[in-house]
C-alpha cells in the first residue's frame, strides 16, 4: 500500500513499482529483496537495526497521535508486535517488547515497569513530527492500528 501511494505521488522507479504489485501472500524473503532494491533506487541511506527502529518508532508515534482514540500505549504495543518478526532486535523495539509485557497485567498498575512503558510511549509520541503526506499517514495508520 505504501509503495502504491508513493508511486501515485510520482516517487520511485522500477523496483518500487514491482513492490507495489506484490501481495501479502508473496514470500517475505522476496518482499525484503525488492524493498531493499527500492530503497536503494530512491537513495535512502542504509540504517542499522537500531536506527531503523528509532525511525519506525518516530513514525508510529506520529501515527498514534493522528488516530482518534488510540490506546494510551499504542506505540509500545505496535513496536512490540514487530519484535518476533525482526528476530528481537536491540534498541527501541527491544525496549517496547519488554515494556509491553507489563501493560495488560492489573497487578502492574502504578509499578515502575508501567511507568517506564509510559515514559517510552511519551518519548516516541513527543518527537518532532515528520513531513508525511496526510493520505500516506492514513494508509500507515490503517496498517498499524
N, C-alpha and C. Protein backbone atom coordinates (compact mmCIF):
# COMPACT_ATOMS: atom_id res chain seq x y z
N UNK A 1 0.82 -1.20 0.00
CA UNK A 1 0.00 0.00 0.00
C UNK A 1 0.86 1.26 0.00
N UNK A 2 1.91 1.24 0.79
CA UNK A 2 2.79 2.41 0.87
C UNK A 2 3.49 2.61 -0.46
N UNK A 3 3.97 1.51 -1.06
CA UNK A 3 4.65 1.62 -2.36
C UNK A 3 3.69 2.17 -3.41
N UNK A 4 2.45 1.72 -3.41
CA UNK A 4 1.45 2.22 -4.38
C UNK A 4 1.19 3.70 -4.16
N UNK A 5 1.10 4.11 -2.90
CA UNK A 5 0.89 5.53 -2.61
C UNK A 5 2.06 6.36 -3.11
N UNK A 6 3.27 5.89 -2.87
CA UNK A 6 4.46 6.62 -3.33
C UNK A 6 4.50 6.72 -4.85
N UNK A 7 4.10 5.65 -5.53
CA UNK A 7 4.04 5.70 -7.00
C UNK A 7 3.03 6.75 -7.47
N UNK A 8 1.91 6.82 -6.78
CA UNK A 8 0.89 7.81 -7.14
C UNK A 8 1.39 9.23 -6.93
N UNK A 9 2.40 9.38 -6.08
CA UNK A 9 2.99 10.69 -5.81
C UNK A 9 4.21 10.94 -6.71
N UNK A 10 4.37 10.11 -7.75
CA UNK A 10 5.49 10.21 -8.69
C UNK A 10 6.86 9.98 -8.04
N UNK A 11 6.89 9.14 -7.03
CA UNK A 11 8.16 8.80 -6.39
C UNK A 11 8.57 7.40 -6.85
N UNK A 12 9.85 7.14 -6.84
CA UNK A 12 10.33 5.79 -7.07
C UNK A 12 10.59 5.45 -8.51
N UNK A 13 10.83 4.17 -8.71
CA UNK A 13 11.18 3.66 -10.03
C UNK A 13 10.69 2.25 -10.22
N UNK A 14 11.46 1.49 -10.97
CA UNK A 14 11.07 0.14 -11.35
C UNK A 14 10.88 -0.79 -10.15
N UNK A 15 11.79 -0.72 -9.18
CA UNK A 15 11.70 -1.60 -8.01
C UNK A 15 10.49 -1.24 -7.14
N UNK A 16 10.20 0.05 -7.02
CA UNK A 16 9.04 0.47 -6.23
C UNK A 16 7.76 -0.02 -6.91
N UNK A 17 7.72 0.06 -8.23
CA UNK A 17 6.55 -0.44 -8.97
C UNK A 17 6.39 -1.94 -8.77
N UNK A 18 7.51 -2.66 -8.77
CA UNK A 18 7.45 -4.10 -8.53
C UNK A 18 6.94 -4.39 -7.12
N UNK A 19 7.42 -3.62 -6.16
CA UNK A 19 6.98 -3.77 -4.78
C UNK A 19 5.48 -3.50 -4.65
N UNK A 20 5.01 -2.47 -5.32
CA UNK A 20 3.58 -2.12 -5.26
C UNK A 20 2.70 -3.23 -5.84
N UNK A 21 3.26 -4.01 -6.75
CA UNK A 21 2.49 -5.09 -7.38
C UNK A 21 2.44 -6.38 -6.59
N UNK A 22 3.17 -6.46 -5.49
CA UNK A 22 3.18 -7.67 -4.68
C UNK A 22 1.96 -7.74 -3.77
N UNK A 23 1.64 -8.94 -3.33
CA UNK A 23 0.52 -9.11 -2.40
C UNK A 23 1.03 -9.62 -1.07
N UNK A 24 0.16 -9.65 -0.08
CA UNK A 24 0.52 -10.16 1.25
C UNK A 24 0.88 -11.64 1.21
N UNK A 25 0.47 -12.33 0.16
CA UNK A 25 0.76 -13.76 0.05
C UNK A 25 2.14 -14.04 -0.53
N UNK A 26 2.81 -13.01 -1.06
CA UNK A 26 4.14 -13.21 -1.60
C UNK A 26 5.13 -13.48 -0.47
N UNK A 27 6.20 -14.16 -0.82
CA UNK A 27 7.21 -14.54 0.16
C UNK A 27 7.83 -13.32 0.83
N UNK A 28 7.91 -13.33 2.17
CA UNK A 28 8.58 -12.23 2.86
C UNK A 28 10.02 -12.03 2.38
N UNK A 29 10.69 -13.13 2.03
CA UNK A 29 12.05 -13.03 1.51
C UNK A 29 12.06 -12.21 0.22
N UNK A 30 11.13 -12.48 -0.68
CA UNK A 30 11.04 -11.75 -1.94
C UNK A 30 10.73 -10.27 -1.68
N UNK A 31 9.80 -10.03 -0.79
CA UNK A 31 9.43 -8.65 -0.45
C UNK A 31 10.65 -7.91 0.10
N UNK A 32 11.40 -8.55 1.01
CA UNK A 32 12.60 -7.91 1.58
C UNK A 32 13.60 -7.53 0.50
N UNK A 33 13.82 -8.45 -0.46
CA UNK A 33 14.80 -8.19 -1.52
C UNK A 33 14.37 -7.02 -2.40
N UNK A 34 13.10 -6.98 -2.75
CA UNK A 34 12.61 -5.89 -3.60
C UNK A 34 12.59 -4.58 -2.82
N UNK A 35 12.22 -4.65 -1.55
CA UNK A 35 12.21 -3.44 -0.72
C UNK A 35 13.61 -2.84 -0.63
N UNK A 36 14.61 -3.67 -0.41
CA UNK A 36 15.99 -3.17 -0.34
C UNK A 36 16.38 -2.50 -1.66
N UNK A 37 15.99 -3.10 -2.78
CA UNK A 37 16.28 -2.50 -4.08
C UNK A 37 15.56 -1.18 -4.27
N UNK A 38 14.30 -1.11 -3.84
CA UNK A 38 13.51 0.12 -3.97
C UNK A 38 14.09 1.23 -3.11
N UNK A 39 14.53 0.90 -1.91
CA UNK A 39 15.14 1.90 -1.04
C UNK A 39 16.44 2.42 -1.64
N UNK A 40 17.23 1.51 -2.20
CA UNK A 40 18.47 1.91 -2.85
C UNK A 40 18.21 2.79 -4.06
N UNK A 41 17.22 2.41 -4.84
CA UNK A 41 16.82 3.18 -6.03
C UNK A 41 16.40 4.60 -5.64
N UNK A 42 15.77 4.73 -4.49
CA UNK A 42 15.28 6.03 -4.03
C UNK A 42 16.37 6.83 -3.32
N UNK A 43 17.55 6.22 -3.13
CA UNK A 43 18.64 6.93 -2.48
C UNK A 43 18.51 6.99 -0.97
N UNK A 44 17.69 6.11 -0.38
CA UNK A 44 17.53 6.08 1.06
C UNK A 44 18.79 5.45 1.67
N UNK A 45 19.41 6.13 2.62
CA UNK A 45 20.64 5.58 3.20
C UNK A 45 20.38 4.33 4.02
N UNK A 46 21.37 3.46 4.09
CA UNK A 46 21.26 2.27 4.93
C UNK A 46 21.27 2.69 6.40
N UNK A 47 20.48 1.99 7.19
CA UNK A 47 20.40 2.26 8.62
C UNK A 47 20.73 0.98 9.37
N UNK A 48 21.27 1.15 10.56
CA UNK A 48 21.43 -0.01 11.43
C UNK A 48 20.05 -0.42 11.92
N UNK A 49 19.96 -1.60 12.50
CA UNK A 49 18.67 -2.04 13.05
C UNK A 49 18.16 -1.06 14.10
N UNK A 50 19.07 -0.56 14.93
CA UNK A 50 18.66 0.37 15.99
C UNK A 50 18.19 1.70 15.41
N UNK A 51 18.90 2.20 14.39
CA UNK A 51 18.48 3.45 13.74
C UNK A 51 17.12 3.29 13.07
N UNK A 52 16.93 2.16 12.39
CA UNK A 52 15.66 1.90 11.73
C UNK A 52 14.54 1.80 12.76
N UNK A 53 14.81 1.14 13.88
CA UNK A 53 13.82 1.03 14.96
C UNK A 53 13.42 2.39 15.49
N UNK A 54 14.40 3.27 15.71
CA UNK A 54 14.10 4.63 16.18
C UNK A 54 13.24 5.38 15.18
N UNK A 55 13.56 5.23 13.90
CA UNK A 55 12.77 5.91 12.87
C UNK A 55 11.34 5.38 12.84
N UNK A 56 11.20 4.06 12.86
CA UNK A 56 9.87 3.45 12.86
C UNK A 56 9.09 3.88 14.11
N UNK A 57 9.78 3.93 15.26
CA UNK A 57 9.13 4.39 16.49
C UNK A 57 8.62 5.81 16.36
N UNK A 58 9.42 6.64 15.71
CA UNK A 58 9.02 8.04 15.49
C UNK A 58 7.79 8.12 14.58
N UNK A 59 7.79 7.33 13.51
CA UNK A 59 6.65 7.32 12.60
C UNK A 59 5.40 6.81 13.31
N UNK A 60 5.52 5.71 14.03
CA UNK A 60 4.37 5.14 14.73
C UNK A 60 3.88 6.10 15.81
N UNK A 61 4.80 6.80 16.46
CA UNK A 61 4.41 7.81 17.44
C UNK A 61 3.57 8.91 16.81
N UNK A 62 3.96 9.34 15.63
CA UNK A 62 3.19 10.36 14.91
C UNK A 62 1.84 9.80 14.48
N UNK A 63 1.81 8.55 14.05
CA UNK A 63 0.54 7.92 13.65
C UNK A 63 -0.42 7.83 14.82
N UNK A 64 0.10 7.41 15.97
CA UNK A 64 -0.77 7.24 17.15
C UNK A 64 -1.44 8.55 17.53
N UNK A 65 -0.72 9.65 17.39
CA UNK A 65 -1.32 10.94 17.70
C UNK A 65 -2.37 11.35 16.67
N UNK A 66 -2.27 10.79 15.46
CA UNK A 66 -3.21 11.14 14.40
C UNK A 66 -4.48 10.29 14.42
N UNK A 67 -4.47 9.21 15.20
CA UNK A 67 -5.61 8.29 15.25
C UNK A 67 -6.46 8.60 16.48
N UNK A 68 -7.68 9.06 16.27
CA UNK A 68 -8.54 9.35 17.43
C UNK A 68 -8.80 8.08 18.24
N UNK A 69 -8.68 8.20 19.54
CA UNK A 69 -8.97 7.08 20.42
C UNK A 69 -7.91 6.00 20.45
N UNK A 70 -6.69 6.31 19.99
CA UNK A 70 -5.62 5.30 20.04
C UNK A 70 -5.33 4.95 21.49
N UNK A 71 -5.05 3.69 21.74
CA UNK A 71 -4.68 3.19 23.06
C UNK A 71 -3.56 4.05 23.64
N UNK A 72 -3.55 4.23 24.94
CA UNK A 72 -2.53 5.07 25.55
C UNK A 72 -1.13 4.48 25.42
N UNK A 73 -1.03 3.21 25.08
CA UNK A 73 0.25 2.55 24.84
C UNK A 73 0.32 2.01 23.41
N UNK A 74 -0.32 2.68 22.47
CA UNK A 74 -0.41 2.20 21.08
C UNK A 74 0.96 2.03 20.43
N UNK A 75 1.87 2.95 20.68
CA UNK A 75 3.19 2.89 20.06
C UNK A 75 3.99 1.73 20.63
N UNK A 76 4.00 1.59 21.94
CA UNK A 76 4.72 0.49 22.57
C UNK A 76 4.17 -0.84 22.07
N UNK A 77 2.85 -0.97 22.01
CA UNK A 77 2.24 -2.22 21.54
C UNK A 77 2.60 -2.51 20.08
N UNK A 78 2.55 -1.48 19.22
CA UNK A 78 2.85 -1.67 17.80
C UNK A 78 4.31 -2.08 17.60
N UNK A 79 5.22 -1.43 18.30
CA UNK A 79 6.63 -1.80 18.17
C UNK A 79 6.89 -3.20 18.72
N UNK A 80 6.24 -3.55 19.82
CA UNK A 80 6.43 -4.88 20.41
C UNK A 80 5.97 -5.97 19.45
N UNK A 81 4.92 -5.71 18.67
CA UNK A 81 4.44 -6.70 17.70
C UNK A 81 5.47 -6.95 16.60
N UNK A 82 6.35 -5.99 16.35
CA UNK A 82 7.38 -6.16 15.33
C UNK A 82 8.52 -7.07 15.79
N UNK A 83 8.75 -7.14 17.09
CA UNK A 83 9.92 -7.82 17.63
C UNK A 83 10.10 -9.26 17.13
N UNK A 84 9.08 -10.13 17.20
CA UNK A 84 9.31 -11.52 16.78
C UNK A 84 9.70 -11.65 15.31
N UNK A 85 9.05 -10.89 14.44
CA UNK A 85 9.35 -10.98 13.02
C UNK A 85 10.73 -10.43 12.67
N UNK A 86 11.26 -9.57 13.53
CA UNK A 86 12.58 -8.97 13.29
C UNK A 86 13.67 -9.65 14.11
N UNK A 87 13.36 -10.82 14.66
CA UNK A 87 14.31 -11.58 15.47
C UNK A 87 14.77 -10.81 16.70
N UNK A 88 13.84 -10.10 17.31
CA UNK A 88 14.06 -9.39 18.57
C UNK A 88 15.30 -8.49 18.53
N UNK A 89 15.26 -7.45 17.69
CA UNK A 89 16.43 -6.57 17.60
C UNK A 89 16.61 -5.74 18.87
N UNK A 90 17.79 -5.16 19.00
CA UNK A 90 18.09 -4.27 20.13
C UNK A 90 17.42 -2.93 19.90
N UNK A 91 17.62 -2.02 20.81
CA UNK A 91 17.11 -0.66 20.65
C UNK A 91 15.67 -0.50 21.09
N UNK A 92 14.99 0.44 20.47
CA UNK A 92 13.65 0.82 20.90
C UNK A 92 12.64 -0.32 20.73
N UNK A 93 12.83 -1.17 19.75
CA UNK A 93 11.91 -2.30 19.58
C UNK A 93 12.07 -3.27 20.75
N UNK A 94 13.29 -3.50 21.19
CA UNK A 94 13.52 -4.34 22.37
C UNK A 94 12.92 -3.69 23.61
N UNK A 95 13.10 -2.37 23.74
CA UNK A 95 12.52 -1.66 24.89
C UNK A 95 11.01 -1.81 24.90
N UNK A 96 10.40 -1.65 23.73
CA UNK A 96 8.94 -1.76 23.64
C UNK A 96 8.48 -3.18 23.93
N UNK A 97 9.21 -4.16 23.43
CA UNK A 97 8.86 -5.55 23.68
C UNK A 97 8.88 -5.86 25.17
N UNK A 98 9.89 -5.37 25.87
CA UNK A 98 9.97 -5.58 27.31
C UNK A 98 8.87 -4.81 28.05
N UNK A 99 8.62 -3.58 27.61
CA UNK A 99 7.60 -2.75 28.27
C UNK A 99 6.20 -3.32 28.08
N UNK A 100 5.94 -3.90 26.92
CA UNK A 100 4.60 -4.40 26.61
C UNK A 100 4.19 -5.55 27.52
N UNK A 101 5.16 -6.24 28.08
CA UNK A 101 4.86 -7.36 28.98
C UNK A 101 4.03 -6.93 30.18
N UNK A 102 4.16 -5.68 30.58
CA UNK A 102 3.55 -5.21 31.81
C UNK A 102 2.25 -4.44 31.59
N UNK A 103 1.83 -4.29 30.36
CA UNK A 103 0.69 -3.41 30.08
C UNK A 103 -0.67 -4.03 30.38
N UNK A 104 -0.79 -5.32 30.29
CA UNK A 104 -2.11 -5.95 30.42
C UNK A 104 -2.31 -6.67 31.75
N UNK A 105 -1.39 -6.48 32.65
CA UNK A 105 -1.50 -7.13 33.96
C UNK A 105 -1.94 -6.09 34.99
N UNK A 106 -3.10 -6.28 35.55
CA UNK A 106 -3.63 -5.34 36.54
C UNK A 106 -2.70 -5.17 37.74
N UNK A 107 -1.90 -6.20 38.04
CA UNK A 107 -1.02 -6.12 39.19
C UNK A 107 0.14 -5.14 38.97
N UNK A 108 0.31 -4.66 37.74
CA UNK A 108 1.40 -3.72 37.47
C UNK A 108 0.94 -2.27 37.32
N UNK A 109 -0.33 -2.02 37.61
CA UNK A 109 -0.79 -0.63 37.60
C UNK A 109 -0.03 0.11 38.69
N UNK A 110 0.58 1.22 38.32
CA UNK A 110 1.36 2.02 39.26
C UNK A 110 2.77 1.50 39.51
N UNK A 111 3.19 0.47 38.79
CA UNK A 111 4.53 -0.11 39.00
C UNK A 111 5.59 0.68 38.25
N UNK A 112 6.83 0.43 38.60
CA UNK A 112 7.96 1.06 37.90
C UNK A 112 7.99 0.63 36.44
N UNK A 113 7.63 -0.63 36.17
CA UNK A 113 7.62 -1.12 34.79
C UNK A 113 6.58 -0.38 33.95
N UNK A 114 5.42 -0.15 34.54
CA UNK A 114 4.37 0.59 33.82
C UNK A 114 4.81 2.03 33.59
N UNK A 115 5.48 2.62 34.56
CA UNK A 115 5.99 3.99 34.42
C UNK A 115 7.03 4.06 33.31
N UNK A 116 7.87 3.03 33.19
CA UNK A 116 8.86 3.00 32.10
C UNK A 116 8.17 2.89 30.75
N UNK A 117 7.11 2.10 30.67
CA UNK A 117 6.35 1.97 29.42
C UNK A 117 5.71 3.31 29.06
N UNK A 118 5.17 4.00 30.05
CA UNK A 118 4.56 5.31 29.80
C UNK A 118 5.60 6.33 29.34
N UNK A 119 6.79 6.28 29.93
CA UNK A 119 7.87 7.20 29.53
C UNK A 119 8.32 6.92 28.10
N UNK A 120 8.42 5.65 27.73
CA UNK A 120 8.80 5.29 26.37
C UNK A 120 7.73 5.76 25.39
N UNK A 121 6.47 5.51 25.72
CA UNK A 121 5.35 5.96 24.86
C UNK A 121 5.41 7.48 24.68
N UNK A 122 5.59 8.20 25.77
CA UNK A 122 5.66 9.66 25.71
C UNK A 122 6.82 10.12 24.83
N UNK A 123 7.99 9.51 25.01
CA UNK A 123 9.15 9.90 24.22
C UNK A 123 8.90 9.71 22.73
N UNK A 124 8.30 8.59 22.36
CA UNK A 124 8.06 8.31 20.95
C UNK A 124 6.96 9.18 20.34
N UNK A 125 6.00 9.57 21.15
CA UNK A 125 4.92 10.43 20.65
C UNK A 125 5.29 11.90 20.62
N UNK A 126 6.29 12.31 21.38
CA UNK A 126 6.58 13.74 21.52
C UNK A 126 7.72 14.23 20.63
N UNK A 127 8.22 13.37 19.77
CA UNK A 127 9.28 13.80 18.86
C UNK A 127 8.71 14.72 17.79
N UNK A 128 9.58 15.52 17.20
CA UNK A 128 9.15 16.43 16.15
C UNK A 128 8.52 15.63 15.01
N UNK A 129 7.36 16.09 14.58
CA UNK A 129 6.63 15.38 13.52
C UNK A 129 7.40 15.41 12.21
N UNK A 130 7.33 14.30 11.50
CA UNK A 130 7.92 14.21 10.17
C UNK A 130 6.96 14.81 9.16
N UNK A 131 7.47 15.26 8.05
CA UNK A 131 6.63 15.82 6.98
C UNK A 131 6.12 14.66 6.13
N UNK A 132 4.98 14.10 6.54
CA UNK A 132 4.39 12.95 5.86
C UNK A 132 3.04 13.36 5.29
N UNK A 133 2.83 13.06 4.02
CA UNK A 133 1.58 13.35 3.35
C UNK A 133 0.41 12.77 4.15
N UNK A 134 -0.68 13.51 4.28
CA UNK A 134 -1.80 13.07 5.11
C UNK A 134 -2.44 11.78 4.59
N UNK A 135 -2.49 11.60 3.28
CA UNK A 135 -3.05 10.36 2.72
C UNK A 135 -2.15 9.17 3.08
N UNK A 136 -0.84 9.37 3.04
CA UNK A 136 0.08 8.31 3.42
C UNK A 136 -0.05 8.00 4.91
N UNK A 137 -0.24 9.03 5.72
CA UNK A 137 -0.46 8.81 7.17
C UNK A 137 -1.67 7.92 7.39
N UNK A 138 -2.72 8.14 6.63
CA UNK A 138 -3.94 7.33 6.76
C UNK A 138 -3.66 5.89 6.40
N UNK A 139 -2.93 5.66 5.29
CA UNK A 139 -2.59 4.30 4.88
C UNK A 139 -1.74 3.62 5.95
N UNK A 140 -0.77 4.35 6.46
CA UNK A 140 0.10 3.78 7.50
C UNK A 140 -0.68 3.47 8.77
N UNK A 141 -1.55 4.38 9.17
CA UNK A 141 -2.34 4.17 10.40
C UNK A 141 -3.24 2.95 10.25
N UNK A 142 -3.86 2.80 9.08
CA UNK A 142 -4.73 1.65 8.85
C UNK A 142 -3.98 0.33 8.96
N UNK A 143 -2.72 0.33 8.54
CA UNK A 143 -1.95 -0.91 8.60
C UNK A 143 -1.30 -1.14 9.96
N UNK A 144 -1.25 -0.10 10.78
CA UNK A 144 -0.54 -0.19 12.05
C UNK A 144 -1.48 -0.46 13.24
N UNK A 145 -2.65 0.14 13.22
CA UNK A 145 -3.55 0.04 14.38
C UNK A 145 -4.83 -0.67 14.03
